[in-house]
Amino acid sequence: MKKTLSALVAVAVLSLGAAFAEEAKTQTKIEAKTTTNPVTGATTEKSEKTTEVKTPAGKKTTKKKSHKKVTKKSGAVKSETTKTETVTSSAPAPAPKAPAATPAPAK
């Protein structure tokens, strides 16, 4: 009897925790741009990838910027630069509830 009761309590607690659990949500955005130098014919590729992850604990944003120059004649990569920036912000703590105002007793 005790084992059955404790098993029921454990299942109730686990299902209650699962009901309030929140999943992480991910959003990714990619922007790309290619330009060509009319004089030399070299191509420049610029891209920016932004990934935003929202969790119950907060929000994490990662930005990755890429810059690549390619020569016209050989197609060789002249220069390539990649920058990664991560910003993490925590969720604000819930505001404490103010005590309910009690009406003064009538005299």
PDB file of N, CA and C in Angstrom:
ATOM      1  N   MET A   1       0.814  -1.187   0.000  1.00  0.00           N
ATOM      2  CA  MET A   1       0.000   0.000   0.000  1.00  0.00           C
ATOM      3  C   MET A   1       0.869   1.267   0.000  1.00  0.00           C
ATOM      4  N   LYS A   2       1.926   1.265   0.839  1.00  0.00           N
ATOM      5  CA  LYS A   2       2.807   2.437   0.917  1.00  0.00           C
ATOM      6  C   LYS A   2       3.534   2.649  -0.411  1.00  0.00           C
ATOM      7  N   LYS A   3       3.957   1.538  -1.051  1.00  0.00           N
ATOM      8  CA  LYS A   3       4.668   1.662  -2.329  1.00  0.00           C
ATOM      9  C   LYS A   3       3.749   2.241  -3.394  1.00  0.00           C
ATOM     10  N   THR A   4       2.513   1.821  -3.416  1.00  0.00           N
ATOM     11  CA  THR A   4       1.556   2.324  -4.399  1.00  0.00           C
ATOM     12  C   THR A   4       1.300   3.806  -4.182  1.00  0.00           C
ATOM     13  N   LEU A   5       1.128   4.197  -2.932  1.00  0.00           N
ATOM     14  CA  LEU A   5       0.885   5.595  -2.607  1.00  0.00           C
ATOM     15  C   LEU A   5       2.088   6.456  -2.979  1.00  0.00           C
ATOM     16  N   SER A   6       3.293   6.006  -2.644  1.00  0.00           N
ATOM     17  CA  SER A   6       4.484   6.785  -2.968  1.00  0.00           C
ATOM     18  C   SER A   6       4.701   6.850  -4.474  1.00  0.00           C
ATOM     19  N   ALA A   7       4.350   5.785  -5.193  1.00  0.00           N
ATOM     20  CA  ALA A   7       4.465   5.806  -6.655  1.00  0.00           C
ATOM     21  C   ALA A   7       3.486   6.806  -7.250  1.00  0.00           C
ATOM     22  N   LEU A   8       2.278   6.868  -6.731  1.00  0.00           N
ATOM     23  CA  LEU A   8       1.288   7.839  -7.205  1.00  0.00           C
ATOM     24  C   LEU A   8       1.723   9.276  -6.933  1.00  0.00           C
ATOM     25  N   VAL A   9       2.287   9.506  -5.766  1.00  0.00           N
ATOM     26  CA  VAL A   9       2.778  10.841  -5.421  1.00  0.00           C
ATOM     27  C   VAL A   9       3.930  11.225  -6.350  1.00  0.00           C
ATOM     28  N   ALA A  10       4.835  10.299  -6.621  1.00  0.00           N
ATOM     29  CA  ALA A  10       5.971  10.581  -7.508  1.00  0.00           C
ATOM     30  C   ALA A  10       5.490  10.927  -8.913  1.00  0.00           C
ATOM     31  N   VAL A  11       4.519  10.178  -9.430  1.00  0.00           N
ATOM     32  CA  VAL A  11       3.979  10.450 -10.763  1.00  0.00           C
ATOM     33  C   VAL A  11       3.299  11.809 -10.794  1.00  0.00           C
ATOM     34  N   ALA A  12       2.560  12.150  -9.741  1.00  0.00           N
ATOM     35  CA  ALA A  12       1.870  13.440  -9.678  1.00  0.00           C
ATOM     36  C   ALA A  12       2.877  14.590  -9.675  1.00  0.00           C
ATOM     37  N   VAL A  13       3.943  14.454  -8.919  1.00  0.00           N
ATOM     38  CA  VAL A  13       4.961  15.505  -8.845  1.00  0.00           C
ATOM     39  C   VAL A  13       5.668  15.660 -10.188  1.00  0.00           C
ATOM     40  N   LEU A  14       6.014  14.555 -10.824  1.00  0.00           N
ATOM     41  CA  LEU A  14       6.696  14.621 -12.116  1.00  0.00           C
ATOM     42  C   LEU A  14       5.797  15.230 -13.191  1.00  0.00           C
ATOM     43  N   SER A  15       4.550  14.848 -13.225  1.00  0.00           N
ATOM     44  CA  SER A  15       3.660  15.401 -14.241  1.00  0.00           C
ATOM     45  C   SER A  15       3.390  16.875 -13.992  1.00  0.00           C
ATOM     46  N   LEU A  16       3.354  17.299 -12.738  1.00  0.00           N
ATOM     47  CA  LEU A  16       3.174  18.710 -12.418  1.00  0.00           C
ATOM     48  C   LEU A  16       4.386  19.512 -12.898  1.00  0.00           C
ATOM     49  N   GLY A  17       5.586  18.984 -12.694  1.00  0.00           N
ATOM     50  CA  GLY A  17       6.800  19.661 -13.162  1.00  0.00           C
ATOM     51  C   GLY A  17       6.844  19.742 -14.672  1.00  0.00           C
ATOM     52  N   ALA A  18       6.408  18.701 -15.354  1.00  0.00           N
ATOM     53  CA  ALA A  18       6.404  18.698 -16.816  1.00  0.00           C
ATOM     54  C   ALA A  18       5.380  19.681 -17.365  1.00  0.00           C
ATOM     55  N   ALA A  19       4.307  19.907 -16.641  1.00  0.00           N
ATOM     56  CA  ALA A  19       3.274  20.837 -17.101  1.00  0.00           C
ATOM     57  C   ALA A  19       3.775  22.271 -17.088  1.00  0.00           C
ATOM     58  N   PHE A  20       4.652  22.605 -16.148  1.00  0.00           N
ATOM     59  CA  PHE A  20       5.143  23.974 -16.048  1.00  0.00           C
ATOM     60  C   PHE A  20       6.478  24.201 -16.743  1.00  0.00           C
ATOM     61  N   ALA A  21       7.093  23.161 -17.266  1.00  0.00           N
ATOM     62  CA  ALA A  21       8.379  23.302 -17.946  1.00  0.00           C
ATOM     63  C   ALA A  21       8.176  24.016 -19.281  1.00  0.00           C
ATOM     64  N   GLU A  22       9.105  24.900 -19.613  1.00  0.00           N
ATOM     65  CA  GLU A  22       9.052  25.617 -20.880  1.00  0.00           C
ATOM     66  C   GLU A  22      10.193  25.149 -21.765  1.00  0.00           C
ATOM     67  N   GLU A  23       9.930  25.076 -23.050  1.00  0.00           N
ATOM     68  CA  GLU A  23      10.968  24.667 -23.987  1.00  0.00           C
ATOM     69  C   GLU A  23      11.741  25.890 -24.472  1.00  0.00           C
ATOM     70  N   ALA A  24      12.982  25.669 -24.866  1.00  0.00           N
ATOM     71  CA  ALA A  24      13.779  26.735 -25.457  1.00  0.00           C
ATOM     72  C   ALA A  24      13.307  26.957 -26.891  1.00  0.00           C
ATOM     73  N   LYS A  25      13.215  28.211 -27.288  1.00  0.00           N
ATOM     74  CA  LYS A  25      12.784  28.554 -28.640  1.00  0.00           C
ATOM     75  C   LYS A  25      13.960  29.196 -29.366  1.00  0.00           C
ATOM     76  N   THR A  26      14.236  28.707 -30.586  1.00  0.00           N
ATOM     77  CA  THR A  26      15.368  29.195 -31.360  1.00  0.00           C
ATOM     78  C   THR A  26      14.872  29.861 -32.631  1.00  0.00           C
ATOM     79  N   GLN A  27      15.477  31.015 -32.952  1.00  0.00           N
ATOM     80  CA  GLN A  27      15.138  31.735 -34.175  1.00  0.00           C
ATOM     81  C   GLN A  27      16.449  32.121 -34.855  1.00  0.00           C
ATOM     82  N   THR A  28      16.568  31.778 -36.148  1.00  0.00           N
ATOM     83  CA  THR A  28      17.789  32.066 -36.893  1.00  0.00           C
ATOM     84  C   THR A  28      17.451  32.944 -38.098  1.00  0.00           C
ATOM     85  N   LYS A  29      18.291  33.958 -38.330  1.00  0.00           N
ATOM     86  CA  LYS A  29      18.093  34.871 -39.448  1.00  0.00           C
ATOM     87  C   LYS A  29      19.437  35.033 -40.172  1.00  0.00           C
ATOM     88  N   ILE A  30      19.421  34.855 -41.511  1.00  0.00           N
ATOM     89  CA  ILE A  30      20.650  34.964 -42.295  1.00  0.00           C
ATOM     90  C   ILE A  30      20.470  36.039 -43.362  1.00  0.00           C
ATOM     91  N   GLU A  31      21.435  36.964 -43.427  1.00  0.00           N
ATOM     92  CA  GLU A  31      21.442  38.001 -44.447  1.00  0.00           C
ATOM     93  C   GLU A  31      22.757  37.888 -45.213  1.00  0.00           C
ATOM     94  N   ALA A  32      22.673  37.849 -46.552  1.00  0.00           N
ATOM     95  CA  ALA A  32      23.879  37.747 -47.377  1.00  0.00           C
ATOM     96  C   ALA A  32      23.855  38.831 -48.445  1.00  0.00           C
ATOM     97  N   LYS A  33      25.041  39.340 -48.793  1.00  0.00           N
ATOM     98  CA  LYS A  33      25.143  40.404 -49.788  1.00  0.00           C
ATOM     99  C   LYS A  33      26.456  40.215 -50.550  1.00  0.00           C
ATOM    100  N   THR A  34      26.381  40.282 -51.893  1.00  0.00           N
ATOM    101  CA  THR A  34      27.573  40.141 -52.721  1.00  0.00           C
ATOM    102  C   THR A  34      27.729  41.389 -53.577  1.00  0.00           C
ATOM    103  N   THR A  35      28.941  41.939 -53.595  1.00  0.00           N
ATOM    104  CA  THR A  35      29.225  43.106 -54.440  1.00  0.00           C
ATOM    105  C   THR A  35      30.435  42.803 -55.310  1.00  0.00           C
ATOM    106  N   THR A  36      30.490  43.456 -56.475  1.00  0.00           N
ATOM    107  CA  THR A  36      31.613  43.273 -57.396  1.00  0.00           C
ATOM    108  C   THR A  36      32.241  44.622 -57.681  1.00  0.00           C
ATOM    109  N   ASN A  37      33.569  44.682 -57.582  1.00  0.00           N
ATOM    110  CA  ASN A  37      34.295  45.892 -57.903  1.00  0.00           C
ATOM    111  C   ASN A  37      34.366  46.006 -59.416  1.00  0.00           C
ATOM    112  N   PRO A  38      33.819  47.069 -60.033  1.00  0.00           N
ATOM    113  CA  PRO A  38      33.808  47.179 -61.496  1.00  0.00           C
ATOM    114  C   PRO A  38      35.197  47.338 -62.107  1.00  0.00           C
ATOM    115  N   VAL A  39      36.147  47.850 -61.347  1.00  0.00           N
ATOM    116  CA  VAL A  39      37.497  48.074 -61.888  1.00  0.00           C
ATOM    117  C   VAL A  39      38.304  46.782 -61.894  1.00  0.00           C
ATOM    118  N   THR A  40      38.359  46.104 -60.782  1.00  0.00           N
ATOM    119  CA  THR A  40      39.195  44.905 -60.677  1.00  0.00           C
ATOM    120  C   THR A  40      38.419  43.622 -60.952  1.00  0.00           C
ATOM    121  N   GLY A  41      37.117  43.659 -60.800  1.00  0.00           N
ATOM    122  CA  GLY A  41      36.308  42.467 -60.998  1.00  0.00           C
ATOM    123  C   GLY A  41      36.288  41.548 -59.784  1.00  0.00           C
ATOM    124  N   ALA A  42      36.901  41.988 -58.697  1.00  0.00           N
ATOM    125  CA  ALA A  42      36.919  41.167 -57.478  1.00  0.00           C
ATOM    126  C   ALA A  42      35.538  41.184 -56.824  1.00  0.00           C
ATOM    127  N   THR A  43      35.179  40.063 -56.239  1.00  0.00           N
ATOM    128  CA  THR A  43      33.877  39.957 -55.563  1.00  0.00           C
ATOM    129  C   THR A  43      34.074  39.997 -54.054  1.00  0.00           C
ATOM    130  N   THR A  44      33.143  40.653 -53.375  1.00  0.00           N
ATOM    131  CA  THR A  44      33.148  40.699 -51.924  1.00  0.00           C
ATOM    132  C   THR A  44      31.827  40.128 -51.439  1.00  0.00           C
ATOM    133  N   GLU A  45      31.912  39.126 -50.580  1.00  0.00           N
ATOM    134  CA  GLU A  45      30.720  38.489 -50.016  1.00  0.00           C
ATOM    135  C   GLU A  45      30.642  38.850 -48.541  1.00  0.00           C
ATOM    136  N   LYS A  46      29.507  39.378 -48.138  1.00  0.00           N
ATOM    137  CA  LYS A  46      29.280  39.695 -46.727  1.00  0.00           C
ATOM    138  C   LYS A  46      28.033  38.949 -46.281  1.00  0.00           C
ATOM    139  N   SER A  47      28.109  38.312 -45.133  1.00  0.00           N
ATOM    140  CA  SER A  47      26.936  37.630 -44.599  1.00  0.00           C
ATOM    141  C   SER A  47      26.878  37.828 -43.093  1.00  0.00           C
ATOM    142  N   GLU A  48      25.654  37.825 -42.584  1.00  0.00           N
ATOM    143  CA  GLU A  48      25.445  37.971 -41.152  1.00  0.00           C
ATOM    144  C   GLU A  48      24.389  36.963 -40.721  1.00  0.00           C
ATOM    145  N   LYS A  49      24.743  36.146 -39.748  1.00  0.00           N
ATOM    146  CA  LYS A  49      23.832  35.124 -39.231  1.00  0.00           C
ATOM    147  C   LYS A  49      23.549  35.447 -37.767  1.00  0.00           C
ATOM    148  N   THR A  50      22.261  35.622 -37.437  1.00  0.00           N
ATOM    149  CA  THR A  50      21.859  35.923 -36.071  1.00  0.00           C
ATOM    150  C   THR A  50      21.010  34.776 -35.542  1.00  0.00           C
ATOM    151  N   THR A  51      21.432  34.211 -34.421  1.00  0.00           N
ATOM    152  CA  THR A  51      20.683  33.130 -33.782  1.00  0.00           C
ATOM    153  C   THR A  51      20.241  33.614 -32.416  1.00  0.00           C
ATOM    154  N   GLU A  52      18.937  33.506 -32.141  1.00  0.00           N
ATOM    155  CA  GLU A  52      18.392  33.948 -30.868  1.00  0.00           C
ATOM    156  C   GLU A  52      17.711  32.762 -30.187  1.00  0.00           C
ATOM    157  N   VAL A  53      18.137  32.455 -28.969  1.00  0.00           N
ATOM    158  CA  VAL A  53      17.583  31.339 -28.209  1.00  0.00           C
ATOM    159  C   VAL A  53      16.910  31.909 -26.964  1.00  0.00           C
ATOM    160  N   LYS A  54      15.612  31.632 -26.810  1.00  0.00           N
ATOM    161  CA  LYS A  54      14.870  32.093 -25.638  1.00  0.00           C
ATOM    162  C   LYS A  54      14.576  30.890 -24.747  1.00  0.00           C
ATOM    163  N   THR A  55      14.991  30.991 -23.503  1.00  0.00           N
ATOM    164  CA  THR A  55      14.749  29.936 -22.518  1.00  0.00           C
ATOM    165  C   THR A  55      14.079  30.565 -21.301  1.00  0.00           C
ATOM    166  N   PRO A  56      13.571  29.752 -20.398  1.00  0.00           N
ATOM    167  CA  PRO A  56      12.981  30.319 -19.179  1.00  0.00           C
ATOM    168  C   PRO A  56      14.003  31.119 -18.362  1.00  0.00           C
ATOM    169  N   ALA A  57      15.280  30.762 -18.473  1.00  0.00           N
ATOM    170  CA  ALA A  57      16.313  31.436 -17.695  1.00  0.00           C
ATOM    171  C   ALA A  57      16.720  32.769 -18.307  1.00  0.00           C
ATOM    172  N   GLY A  58      16.453  32.980 -19.596  1.00  0.00           N
ATOM    173  CA  GLY A  58      16.853  34.230 -20.218  1.00  0.00           C
ATOM    174  C   GLY A  58      16.937  34.107 -21.719  1.00  0.00           C
ATOM    175  N   LYS A  59      17.682  35.016 -22.344  1.00  0.00           N
ATOM    176  CA  LYS A  59      17.788  35.071 -23.795  1.00  0.00           C
ATOM    177  C   LYS A  59      19.262  35.145 -24.184  1.00  0.00           C
ATOM    178  N   LYS A  60      19.637  34.378 -25.210  1.00  0.00           N
ATOM    179  CA  LYS A  60      21.013  34.372 -25.680  1.00  0.00           C
ATOM    180  C   LYS A  60      21.008  34.685 -27.176  1.00  0.00           C
ATOM    181  N   THR A  61      21.725  35.721 -27.574  1.00  0.00           N
ATOM    182  CA  THR A  61      21.797  36.122 -28.976  1.00  0.00           C
ATOM    183  C   THR A  61      23.232  35.960 -29.454  1.00  0.00           C
ATOM    184  N   THR A  62      23.404  35.247 -30.572  1.00  0.00           N
ATOM    185  CA  THR A  62      24.723  35.052 -31.156  1.00  0.00           C
ATOM    186  C   THR A  62      24.714  35.644 -32.557  1.00  0.00           C
ATOM    187  N   LYS A  63      25.665  36.544 -32.833  1.00  0.00           N
ATOM    188  CA  LYS A  63      25.794  37.136 -34.162  1.00  0.00           C
ATOM    189  C   LYS A  63      27.124  36.701 -34.756  1.00  0.00           C
ATOM    190  N   LYS A  64      27.076  36.206 -35.993  1.00  0.00           N
ATOM    191  CA  LYS A  64      28.288  35.789 -36.674  1.00  0.00           C
ATOM    192  C   LYS A  64      28.366  36.551 -37.989  1.00  0.00           C
ATOM    193  N   LYS A  65      29.411  37.384 -38.132  1.00  0.00           N
ATOM    194  CA  LYS A  65      29.588  38.170 -39.340  1.00  0.00           C
ATOM    195  C   LYS A  65      30.756  37.590 -40.132  1.00  0.00           C
ATOM    196  N   SER A  66      30.556  37.481 -41.445  1.00  0.00           N
ATOM    197  CA  SER A  66      31.582  36.919 -42.311  1.00  0.00           C
ATOM    198  C   SER A  66      31.841  37.889 -43.455  1.00  0.00           C
ATOM    199  N   HIS A  67      33.103  38.085 -43.794  1.00  0.00           N
ATOM    200  CA  HIS A  67      33.502  38.995 -44.867  1.00  0.00           C
ATOM    201  C   HIS A  67      34.559  38.270 -45.687  1.00  0.00           C
ATOM    202  N   LYS A  68      34.314  38.104 -46.995  1.00  0.00           N
ATOM    203  CA  LYS A  68      35.211  37.309 -47.825  1.00  0.00           C
ATOM    204  C   LYS A  68      35.459  38.024 -49.152  1.00  0.00           C
ATOM    205  N   LYS A  69      36.733  38.192 -49.537  1.00  0.00           N
ATOM    206  CA  LYS A  69      37.090  38.812 -50.813  1.00  0.00           C
ATOM    207  C   LYS A  69      37.702  37.755 -51.723  1.00  0.00           C
ATOM    208  N   VAL A  70      37.214  37.713 -52.974  1.00  0.00           N
ATOM    209  CA  VAL A  70      37.691  36.736 -53.950  1.00  0.00           C
ATOM    210  C   VAL A  70      38.181  37.483 -55.184  1.00  0.00           C
ATOM    211  N   THR A  71      39.367  37.097 -55.697  1.00  0.00           N
ATOM    212  CA  THR A  71      39.903  37.757 -56.889  1.00  0.00           C
ATOM    213  C   THR A  71      39.215  37.236 -58.144  1.00  0.00           C
ATOM    214  N   LYS A  72      39.220  38.067 -59.198  1.00  0.00           N
ATOM    215  CA  LYS A  72      38.515  37.691 -60.430  1.00  0.00           C
ATOM    216  C   LYS A  72      39.299  36.655 -61.236  1.00  0.00           C
ATOM    217  N   LYS A  73      40.607  36.875 -61.412  1.00  0.00           N
ATOM    218  CA  LYS A  73      41.401  36.030 -62.315  1.00  0.00           C
ATOM    219  C   LYS A  73      41.528  34.590 -61.809  1.00  0.00           C
ATOM    220  N   SER A  74      42.049  34.427 -60.624  1.00  0.00           N
ATOM    221  CA  SER A  74      42.325  33.069 -60.145  1.00  0.00           C
ATOM    222  C   SER A  74      41.190  32.483 -59.315  1.00  0.00           C
ATOM    223  N   GLY A  75      40.325  33.341 -58.793  1.00  0.00           N
ATOM    224  CA  GLY A  75      39.258  32.849 -57.927  1.00  0.00           C
ATOM    225  C   GLY A  75      39.748  32.547 -56.523  1.00  0.00           C
ATOM    226  N   ALA A  76      40.988  32.937 -56.242  1.00  0.00           N
ATOM    227  CA  ALA A  76      41.558  32.683 -54.917  1.00  0.00           C
ATOM    228  C   ALA A  76      40.965  33.653 -53.896  1.00  0.00           C
ATOM    229  N   VAL A  77      40.889  33.212 -52.669  1.00  0.00           N
ATOM    230  CA  VAL A  77      40.379  34.057 -51.592  1.00  0.00           C
ATOM    231  C   VAL A  77      41.501  34.976 -51.132  1.00  0.00           C
ATOM    232  N   LYS A  78      41.262  36.292 -51.262  1.00  0.00           N
ATOM    233  CA  LYS A  78      42.255  37.276 -50.833  1.00  0.00           C
ATOM    234  C   LYS A  78      42.262  37.411 -49.313  1.00  0.00           C
ATOM    235  N   SER A  79      41.090  37.615 -48.763  1.00  0.00           N
ATOM    236  CA  SER A  79      40.996  37.754 -47.310  1.00  0.00           C
ATOM    237  C   SER A  79      39.645  37.243 -46.847  1.00  0.00           C
ATOM    238  N   GLU A  80      39.640  36.721 -45.640  1.00  0.00           N
ATOM    239  CA  GLU A  80      38.404  36.213 -45.057  1.00  0.00           C
ATOM    240  C   GLU A  80      38.397  36.542 -43.570  1.00  0.00           C
ATOM    241  N   THR A  81      37.323  37.169 -43.109  1.00  0.00           N
ATOM    242  CA  THR A  81      37.212  37.576 -41.717  1.00  0.00           C
ATOM    243  C   THR A  81      35.893  37.078 -41.161  1.00  0.00           C
ATOM    244  N   THR A  82      35.940  36.516 -39.963  1.00  0.00           N
ATOM    245  CA  THR A  82      34.721  36.060 -39.285  1.00  0.00           C
ATOM    246  C   THR A  82      34.737  36.593 -37.861  1.00  0.00           C
ATOM    247  N   LYS A  83      33.624  37.224 -37.462  1.00  0.00           N
ATOM    248  CA  LYS A  83      33.496  37.738 -36.100  1.00  0.00           C
ATOM    249  C   LYS A  83      32.262  37.102 -35.471  1.00  0.00           C
ATOM    250  N   THR A  84      32.408  36.646 -34.232  1.00  0.00           N
ATOM    251  CA  THR A  84      31.284  36.067 -33.503  1.00  0.00           C
ATOM    252  C   THR A  84      31.090  36.853 -32.220  1.00  0.00           C
ATOM    253  N   GLU A  85      29.849  37.237 -31.960  1.00  0.00           N
ATOM    254  CA  GLU A  85      29.521  38.021 -30.766  1.00  0.00           C
ATOM    255  C   GLU A  85      28.334  37.364 -30.077  1.00  0.00           C
ATOM    256  N   THR A  86      28.460  37.126 -28.781  1.00  0.00           N
ATOM    257  CA  THR A  86      27.385  36.484 -28.015  1.00  0.00           C
ATOM    258  C   THR A  86      26.936  37.414 -26.894  1.00  0.00           C
ATOM    259  N   VAL A  87      25.618  37.598 -26.795  1.00  0.00           N
ATOM    260  CA  VAL A  87      25.040  38.429 -25.741  1.00  0.00           C
ATOM    261  C   VAL A  87      24.027  37.580 -24.987  1.00  0.00           C
ATOM    262  N   THR A  88      24.174  37.523 -23.669  1.00  0.00           N
ATOM    263  CA  THR A  88      23.254  36.745 -22.838  1.00  0.00           C
ATOM    264  C   THR A  88      22.570  37.687 -21.864  1.00  0.00           C
ATOM    265  N   SER A  89      21.255  37.604 -21.804  1.00  0.00           N
ATOM    266  CA  SER A  89      20.522  38.400 -20.826  1.00  0.00           C
ATOM    267  C   SER A  89      19.601  37.472 -20.055  1.00  0.00           C
ATOM    268  N   SER A  90      19.547  37.690 -18.756  1.00  0.00           N
ATOM    269  CA  SER A  90      18.702  36.826 -17.939  1.00  0.00           C
ATOM    270  C   SER A  90      17.310  37.429 -17.836  1.00  0.00           C
ATOM    271  N   ALA A  91      16.357  36.576 -17.600  1.00  0.00           N
ATOM    272  CA  ALA A  91      14.971  37.026 -17.480  1.00  0.00           C
ATOM    273  C   ALA A  91      14.813  37.801 -16.181  1.00  0.00           C
ATOM    274  N   PRO A  92      14.019  38.848 -16.194  1.00  0.00           N
ATOM    275  CA  PRO A  92      13.823  39.600 -14.948  1.00  0.00           C
ATOM    276  C   PRO A  92      13.068  38.757 -13.931  1.00  0.00           C
ATOM    277  N   ALA A  93      13.422  38.960 -12.691  1.00  0.00           N
ATOM    278  CA  ALA A  93      12.762  38.215 -11.622  1.00  0.00           C
ATOM    279  C   ALA A  93      11.314  38.691 -11.499  1.00  0.00           C
ATOM    280  N   PRO A  94      10.400  37.787 -11.200  1.00  0.00           N
ATOM    281  CA  PRO A  94       9.008  38.219 -11.060  1.00  0.00           C
ATOM    282  C   PRO A  94       8.859  39.192  -9.895  1.00  0.00           C
ATOM    283  N   ALA A  95       8.028  40.195 -10.094  1.00  0.00           N
ATOM    284  CA  ALA A  95       7.828  41.211  -9.058  1.00  0.00           C
ATOM    285  C   ALA A  95       7.058  40.602  -7.885  1.00  0.00           C
ATOM    286  N   PRO A  96       7.456  40.927  -6.673  1.00  0.00           N
ATOM    287  CA  PRO A  96       6.735  40.386  -5.520  1.00  0.00           C
ATOM    288  C   PRO A  96       5.333  40.996  -5.462  1.00  0.00           C
ATOM    289  N   LYS A  97       4.398  40.183  -5.020  1.00  0.00           N
ATOM    290  CA  LYS A  97       3.022  40.654  -4.928  1.00  0.00           C
ATOM    291  C   LYS A  97       2.868  41.536  -3.697  1.00  0.00           C
ATOM    292  N   ALA A  98       2.146  42.632  -3.883  1.00  0.00           N
ATOM    293  CA  ALA A  98       1.867  43.525  -2.758  1.00  0.00           C
ATOM    294  C   ALA A  98       0.764  42.897  -1.910  1.00  0.00           C
ATOM    295  N   PRO A  99       0.816  43.072  -0.616  1.00  0.00           N
ATOM    296  CA  PRO A  99      -0.240  42.502   0.218  1.00  0.00           C
ATOM    297  C   PRO A  99      -1.588  43.142  -0.124  1.00  0.00           C
ATOM    298  N   ALA A 100      -2.605  42.351  -0.073  1.00  0.00           N
ATOM    299  CA  ALA A 100      -3.943  42.847  -0.393  1.00  0.00           C
ATOM    300  C   ALA A 100      -4.364  43.853   0.668  1.00  0.00           C
ATOM    301  N   ALA A 101      -4.973  44.931   0.203  1.00  0.00           N
ATOM    302  CA  ALA A 101      -5.423  45.963   1.133  1.00  0.00           C
ATOM    303  C   ALA A 101      -6.709  45.478   1.807  1.00  0.00           C
ATOM    304  N   THR A 102      -6.730  45.579   3.114  1.00  0.00           N
ATOM    305  CA  THR A 102      -7.933  45.169   3.835  1.00  0.00           C
ATOM    306  C   THR A 102      -8.738  46.414   4.169  1.00  0.00           C
ATOM    307  N   PRO A 103     -10.016  46.372   3.912  1.00  0.00           N
ATOM    308  CA  PRO A 103     -10.831  47.561   4.221  1.00  0.00           C
ATOM    309  C   PRO A 103     -10.942  47.771   5.729  1.00  0.00           C
ATOM    310  N   ALA A 104     -11.002  49.013   6.108  1.00  0.00           N
ATOM    311  CA  ALA A 104     -11.118  49.346   7.534  1.00  0.00           C
ATOM    312  C   ALA A 104     -12.521  48.963   8.007  1.00  0.00           C
ATOM    313  N   PRO A 105     -12.633  48.440   9.223  1.00  0.00           N
ATOM    314  CA  PRO A 105     -13.963  48.072   9.722  1.00  0.00           C
ATOM    315  C   PRO A 105     -14.842  49.313   9.913  1.00  0.00           C
ATOM    316  N   ALA A 106     -16.092  49.183   9.570  1.00  0.00           N
ATOM    317  CA  ALA A 106     -17.034  50.304   9.702  1.00  0.00           C
ATOM    318  C   ALA A 106     -17.410  50.503  11.167  1.00  0.00           C
ATOM    319  N   LYS A 107     -17.554  51.740  11.585  1.00  0.00           N
ATOM    320  CA  LYS A 107     -17.901  52.025  12.981  1.00  0.00           C
ATOM    321  C   LYS A 107     -19.338  52.363  13.105  1.00  0.00           C
TER     322      LYS A 107
END
